[in-house]
Every structure is written in C-alpha cells, then in structure tokens.
Amino acid sequence: MRKKVNLSVMLKDFALAMTNAAREGFPIVPKYVYLSRRHRCNRCTTSSTCPVCNCVLKFKCSLATEKCPIDHWLKYDQKKMTPKEYDQEVRKKEEEMKNQE
C-alpha cells in the first residue's frame, strides 16, 4: 500500500538526501550493490517509486548515502566494505529481522 506523502514532505526529504550526498561528494554505489538494492525494492513494489517514502528508486538506490526506510538495505560505505561484504551485511540484517518476527 502506497503511503500518501504531500509535496512539501517529498521536497524536504529530497533536499536532505541531496545535502547528505553533496557533503560526501555524491558517491554512487557499484553496479552490484545497486542491483542488490533494486532486487530488495522489488519485494515491496514493481513501481519506479518507493511505496514507503515515495522516492524515485533509480536515484535512491544509486546513492551510497541513502538507505531503505524500512531497512531492507543499508547505507553503503565503499571505504569500509566491498560490494560482497555489503551484501553479506544486508543478508545478516534480514535474518535478524526475520528472527524478531
């Protein structure tokens, strides 16, 4: 179910995301991480926007400074982990979430 968000909230969230990305130099994730993120997004939607925050997934999944609003994927720091290590960390987080249910 799509969350209704008004335009001012969307613009505020977009401005915050762009400010964070600019502060870090607009880091883009490697293709492997992008595809991993999009695959996880497809669990919630087949649309091009997030059903939770209404962000455009193409951009949200591309920026290393962004994270899923419901923790399906995390912020990516290429200085701290390789794409495969990132994927393992996300899988570990998913397992923890399943065990809490």
N, C-alpha and C. Protein backbone atom coordinates (compact mmCIF):
# COMPACT_ATOMS: atom_id res chain seq x y z
N MET A 1 0.84 -1.19 0.00
CA MET A 1 0.00 0.00 0.00
C MET A 1 0.88 1.25 0.00
N ARG A 2 0.59 2.15 -0.88
CA ARG A 2 1.38 3.36 -1.03
C ARG A 2 1.02 4.38 0.05
N LYS A 3 2.06 4.87 0.70
CA LYS A 3 1.89 5.90 1.72
C LYS A 3 1.66 7.23 1.02
N LYS A 4 0.66 7.99 1.48
CA LYS A 4 0.41 9.30 0.89
C LYS A 4 1.33 10.32 1.56
N VAL A 5 2.11 10.98 0.74
CA VAL A 5 3.05 11.99 1.22
C VAL A 5 2.79 13.27 0.44
N ASN A 6 2.71 14.37 1.15
CA ASN A 6 2.46 15.61 0.42
C ASN A 6 3.75 16.12 -0.21
N LEU A 7 3.59 17.01 -1.15
CA LEU A 7 4.72 17.51 -1.94
C LEU A 7 5.79 18.18 -1.07
N SER A 8 5.38 18.92 -0.06
CA SER A 8 6.38 19.62 0.77
C SER A 8 7.25 18.62 1.53
N VAL A 9 6.68 17.50 1.99
CA VAL A 9 7.45 16.48 2.68
C VAL A 9 8.43 15.82 1.70
N MET A 10 7.95 15.52 0.50
CA MET A 10 8.82 14.91 -0.51
C MET A 10 9.98 15.83 -0.85
N LEU A 11 9.73 17.10 -1.02
CA LEU A 11 10.79 18.06 -1.35
C LEU A 11 11.79 18.20 -0.21
N LYS A 12 11.29 18.21 1.01
CA LYS A 12 12.18 18.29 2.18
C LYS A 12 13.08 17.06 2.25
N ASP A 13 12.50 15.86 2.06
CA ASP A 13 13.29 14.63 2.09
C ASP A 13 14.32 14.60 0.96
N PHE A 14 13.91 15.06 -0.22
CA PHE A 14 14.83 15.11 -1.37
C PHE A 14 15.99 16.07 -1.09
N ALA A 15 15.67 17.24 -0.53
CA ALA A 15 16.71 18.22 -0.23
C ALA A 15 17.69 17.66 0.81
N LEU A 16 17.18 16.96 1.80
CA LEU A 16 18.04 16.35 2.82
C LEU A 16 18.94 15.28 2.20
N ALA A 17 18.37 14.45 1.34
CA ALA A 17 19.15 13.40 0.68
C ALA A 17 20.25 14.01 -0.20
N MET A 18 19.93 15.05 -0.92
CA MET A 18 20.91 15.70 -1.79
C MET A 18 21.99 16.41 -0.98
N THR A 19 21.61 16.99 0.14
CA THR A 19 22.59 17.64 1.02
C THR A 19 23.57 16.62 1.56
N ASN A 20 23.05 15.48 2.04
CA ASN A 20 23.92 14.41 2.54
C ASN A 20 24.83 13.88 1.44
N ALA A 21 24.29 13.68 0.25
CA ALA A 21 25.09 13.18 -0.87
C ALA A 21 26.16 14.20 -1.27
N ALA A 22 25.79 15.47 -1.31
CA ALA A 22 26.75 16.52 -1.68
C ALA A 22 27.89 16.60 -0.67
N ARG A 23 27.55 16.47 0.59
CA ARG A 23 28.56 16.51 1.65
C ARG A 23 29.60 15.41 1.46
N GLU A 24 29.17 14.27 0.93
CA GLU A 24 30.06 13.13 0.72
C GLU A 24 30.66 13.10 -0.70
N GLY A 25 30.27 14.04 -1.56
CA GLY A 25 30.79 14.08 -2.92
C GLY A 25 29.97 13.26 -3.90
N PHE A 26 28.69 13.09 -3.63
CA PHE A 26 27.75 12.32 -4.47
C PHE A 26 28.28 10.92 -4.80
N PRO A 27 28.57 10.13 -3.77
CA PRO A 27 29.10 8.78 -4.03
C PRO A 27 28.03 7.87 -4.62
N ILE A 28 28.38 7.21 -5.70
CA ILE A 28 27.49 6.26 -6.38
C ILE A 28 27.93 4.85 -6.01
N VAL A 29 26.96 3.99 -5.78
CA VAL A 29 27.28 2.61 -5.42
C VAL A 29 27.72 1.82 -6.65
N PRO A 30 28.52 0.76 -6.46
CA PRO A 30 28.86 -0.12 -7.58
C PRO A 30 27.60 -0.81 -8.12
N LYS A 31 27.67 -1.23 -9.36
CA LYS A 31 26.52 -1.85 -10.02
C LYS A 31 25.97 -3.03 -9.21
N TYR A 32 26.85 -3.84 -8.65
CA TYR A 32 26.43 -5.00 -7.86
C TYR A 32 25.54 -4.57 -6.69
N VAL A 33 25.93 -3.50 -5.99
CA VAL A 33 25.16 -3.00 -4.85
C VAL A 33 23.84 -2.42 -5.34
N TYR A 34 23.88 -1.66 -6.44
CA TYR A 34 22.65 -1.09 -7.00
C TYR A 34 21.65 -2.20 -7.33
N LEU A 35 22.10 -3.24 -8.01
CA LEU A 35 21.20 -4.33 -8.38
C LEU A 35 20.67 -5.08 -7.16
N SER A 36 21.51 -5.23 -6.15
CA SER A 36 21.08 -5.86 -4.90
C SER A 36 19.98 -5.04 -4.24
N ARG A 37 20.16 -3.73 -4.22
CA ARG A 37 19.16 -2.84 -3.63
C ARG A 37 17.84 -2.90 -4.41
N ARG A 38 17.94 -2.81 -5.72
CA ARG A 38 16.71 -2.83 -6.53
C ARG A 38 15.97 -4.16 -6.38
N HIS A 39 16.72 -5.25 -6.30
CA HIS A 39 16.10 -6.56 -6.10
C HIS A 39 15.29 -6.56 -4.80
N ARG A 40 15.85 -5.99 -3.76
CA ARG A 40 15.13 -5.92 -2.48
C ARG A 40 13.94 -4.97 -2.56
N CYS A 41 14.05 -3.91 -3.32
CA CYS A 41 12.92 -2.99 -3.50
C CYS A 41 11.75 -3.67 -4.21
N ASN A 42 12.08 -4.59 -5.11
CA ASN A 42 11.03 -5.29 -5.86
C ASN A 42 10.16 -6.15 -4.96
N ARG A 43 10.59 -6.40 -3.73
CA ARG A 43 9.73 -7.12 -2.79
C ARG A 43 8.53 -6.29 -2.40
N CYS A 44 8.68 -4.98 -2.40
CA CYS A 44 7.61 -4.07 -1.98
C CYS A 44 6.81 -3.50 -3.15
N THR A 45 7.47 -3.34 -4.29
CA THR A 45 6.80 -2.64 -5.39
C THR A 45 7.36 -3.04 -6.75
N THR A 46 6.54 -2.90 -7.76
CA THR A 46 7.00 -3.04 -9.14
C THR A 46 7.06 -1.66 -9.80
N SER A 47 6.74 -0.65 -9.02
CA SER A 47 6.74 0.73 -9.48
C SER A 47 8.15 1.29 -9.50
N SER A 48 8.31 2.47 -10.05
CA SER A 48 9.62 3.13 -10.07
C SER A 48 9.83 4.00 -8.84
N THR A 49 8.83 4.04 -7.95
CA THR A 49 8.97 4.82 -6.72
C THR A 49 8.75 3.93 -5.50
N CYS A 50 9.34 4.32 -4.40
CA CYS A 50 9.23 3.58 -3.15
C CYS A 50 7.82 3.75 -2.58
N PRO A 51 7.17 2.66 -2.18
CA PRO A 51 5.82 2.78 -1.61
C PRO A 51 5.83 3.36 -0.19
N VAL A 52 6.98 3.42 0.44
CA VAL A 52 7.06 3.93 1.81
C VAL A 52 7.37 5.42 1.83
N CYS A 53 8.42 5.83 1.10
CA CYS A 53 8.85 7.23 1.15
C CYS A 53 8.58 8.00 -0.15
N ASN A 54 8.14 7.31 -1.19
CA ASN A 54 7.84 7.90 -2.50
C ASN A 54 9.07 8.42 -3.24
N CYS A 55 10.26 8.01 -2.84
CA CYS A 55 11.47 8.39 -3.57
C CYS A 55 11.55 7.65 -4.89
N VAL A 56 12.21 8.24 -5.86
CA VAL A 56 12.46 7.59 -7.14
C VAL A 56 13.57 6.57 -6.91
N LEU A 57 13.25 5.29 -7.10
CA LEU A 57 14.18 4.22 -6.76
C LEU A 57 15.47 4.25 -7.56
N LYS A 58 15.40 4.66 -8.81
CA LYS A 58 16.61 4.73 -9.64
C LYS A 58 17.67 5.60 -8.98
N PHE A 59 17.25 6.71 -8.38
CA PHE A 59 18.19 7.62 -7.74
C PHE A 59 18.52 7.18 -6.31
N LYS A 60 17.50 6.79 -5.56
CA LYS A 60 17.72 6.40 -4.17
C LYS A 60 18.67 5.21 -4.08
N CYS A 61 18.48 4.22 -4.95
CA CYS A 61 19.33 3.02 -4.92
C CYS A 61 20.74 3.30 -5.43
N SER A 62 20.92 4.37 -6.17
CA SER A 62 22.23 4.71 -6.74
C SER A 62 23.15 5.42 -5.76
N LEU A 63 22.58 6.16 -4.83
CA LEU A 63 23.39 6.97 -3.92
C LEU A 63 23.85 6.16 -2.71
N ALA A 64 25.13 6.15 -2.47
CA ALA A 64 25.70 5.39 -1.35
C ALA A 64 25.25 5.94 0.00
N THR A 65 24.87 7.20 0.04
CA THR A 65 24.47 7.83 1.30
C THR A 65 23.04 7.50 1.71
N GLU A 66 22.28 6.86 0.84
CA GLU A 66 20.88 6.55 1.13
C GLU A 66 20.73 5.16 1.73
N LYS A 67 19.61 4.96 2.46
CA LYS A 67 19.27 3.64 2.99
C LYS A 67 17.77 3.44 2.87
N CYS A 68 17.35 2.21 2.89
CA CYS A 68 15.93 1.88 2.79
C CYS A 68 15.21 2.36 4.05
N PRO A 69 14.03 3.00 3.90
CA PRO A 69 13.31 3.49 5.08
C PRO A 69 12.79 2.37 5.98
N ILE A 70 12.71 1.14 5.46
CA ILE A 70 12.28 0.01 6.29
C ILE A 70 13.38 -1.04 6.42
N ASP A 71 14.62 -0.60 6.23
CA ASP A 71 15.83 -1.39 6.48
C ASP A 71 15.98 -2.66 5.63
N HIS A 72 15.47 -2.63 4.41
CA HIS A 72 15.73 -3.76 3.50
C HIS A 72 17.13 -3.69 2.94
N TRP A 73 17.72 -2.51 2.92
CA TRP A 73 19.13 -2.34 2.56
C TRP A 73 19.69 -1.14 3.31
N LEU A 74 21.01 -1.13 3.44
CA LEU A 74 21.69 -0.16 4.29
C LEU A 74 22.47 0.87 3.49
N LYS A 75 22.93 1.89 4.19
CA LYS A 75 23.86 2.85 3.60
C LYS A 75 25.13 2.08 3.23
N TYR A 76 25.75 2.46 2.11
CA TYR A 76 26.94 1.75 1.63
C TYR A 76 28.16 2.66 1.77
N ASP A 77 29.17 2.17 2.46
CA ASP A 77 30.42 2.91 2.62
C ASP A 77 31.53 2.11 1.95
N GLN A 78 31.90 2.53 0.75
CA GLN A 78 32.88 1.76 -0.04
C GLN A 78 34.26 1.75 0.60
N LYS A 79 34.52 2.67 1.53
CA LYS A 79 35.82 2.68 2.21
C LYS A 79 35.89 1.58 3.26
N LYS A 80 34.72 1.14 3.75
CA LYS A 80 34.68 0.16 4.83
C LYS A 80 34.39 -1.26 4.35
N MET A 81 33.77 -1.42 3.19
CA MET A 81 33.42 -2.77 2.75
C MET A 81 33.34 -2.90 1.24
N THR A 82 33.59 -4.09 0.77
CA THR A 82 33.44 -4.40 -0.65
C THR A 82 31.96 -4.62 -0.93
N PRO A 83 31.55 -4.62 -2.20
CA PRO A 83 30.14 -4.90 -2.50
C PRO A 83 29.67 -6.24 -1.94
N LYS A 84 30.50 -7.26 -2.00
CA LYS A 84 30.09 -8.57 -1.46
C LYS A 84 29.95 -8.54 0.06
N GLU A 85 30.84 -7.81 0.73
CA GLU A 85 30.72 -7.67 2.18
C GLU A 85 29.44 -6.91 2.53
N TYR A 86 29.12 -5.91 1.72
CA TYR A 86 27.87 -5.15 1.90
C TYR A 86 26.67 -6.09 1.79
N ASP A 87 26.67 -6.91 0.77
CA ASP A 87 25.55 -7.83 0.56
C ASP A 87 25.43 -8.80 1.73
N GLN A 88 26.54 -9.28 2.23
CA GLN A 88 26.51 -10.18 3.39
C GLN A 88 25.95 -9.46 4.62
N GLU A 89 26.31 -8.21 4.79
CA GLU A 89 25.80 -7.43 5.93
C GLU A 89 24.28 -7.24 5.81
N VAL A 90 23.80 -6.96 4.60
CA VAL A 90 22.37 -6.79 4.38
C VAL A 90 21.64 -8.11 4.65
N ARG A 91 22.20 -9.22 4.16
CA ARG A 91 21.59 -10.53 4.41
C ARG A 91 21.54 -10.84 5.91
N LYS A 92 22.60 -10.49 6.62
CA LYS A 92 22.65 -10.71 8.07
C LYS A 92 21.54 -9.90 8.75
N LYS A 93 21.38 -8.65 8.32
CA LYS A 93 20.33 -7.78 8.87
C LYS A 93 18.95 -8.37 8.58
N GLU A 94 18.75 -8.90 7.37
CA GLU A 94 17.47 -9.51 7.02
C GLU A 94 17.16 -10.70 7.92
N GLU A 95 18.15 -11.52 8.19
CA GLU A 95 17.98 -12.68 9.06
C GLU A 95 17.59 -12.24 10.48
N GLU A 96 18.24 -11.19 10.97
CA GLU A 96 17.91 -10.67 12.29
C GLU A 96 16.47 -10.18 12.34
N MET A 97 16.03 -9.51 11.26
CA MET A 97 14.65 -9.02 11.20
C MET A 97 13.66 -10.17 11.19
N LYS A 98 13.97 -11.24 10.44
CA LYS A 98 13.09 -12.42 10.39
C LYS A 98 12.99 -13.07 11.76
N ASN A 99 14.10 -13.16 12.48
CA ASN A 99 14.10 -13.78 13.79
C ASN A 99 13.33 -12.98 14.84
N GLN A 100 13.19 -11.68 14.62
CA GLN A 100 12.45 -10.84 15.55
C GLN A 100 10.94 -10.96 15.36
N GLU A 101 10.52 -11.45 14.19
CA GLU A 101 9.08 -11.55 13.90
C GLU A 101 8.45 -12.71 14.58
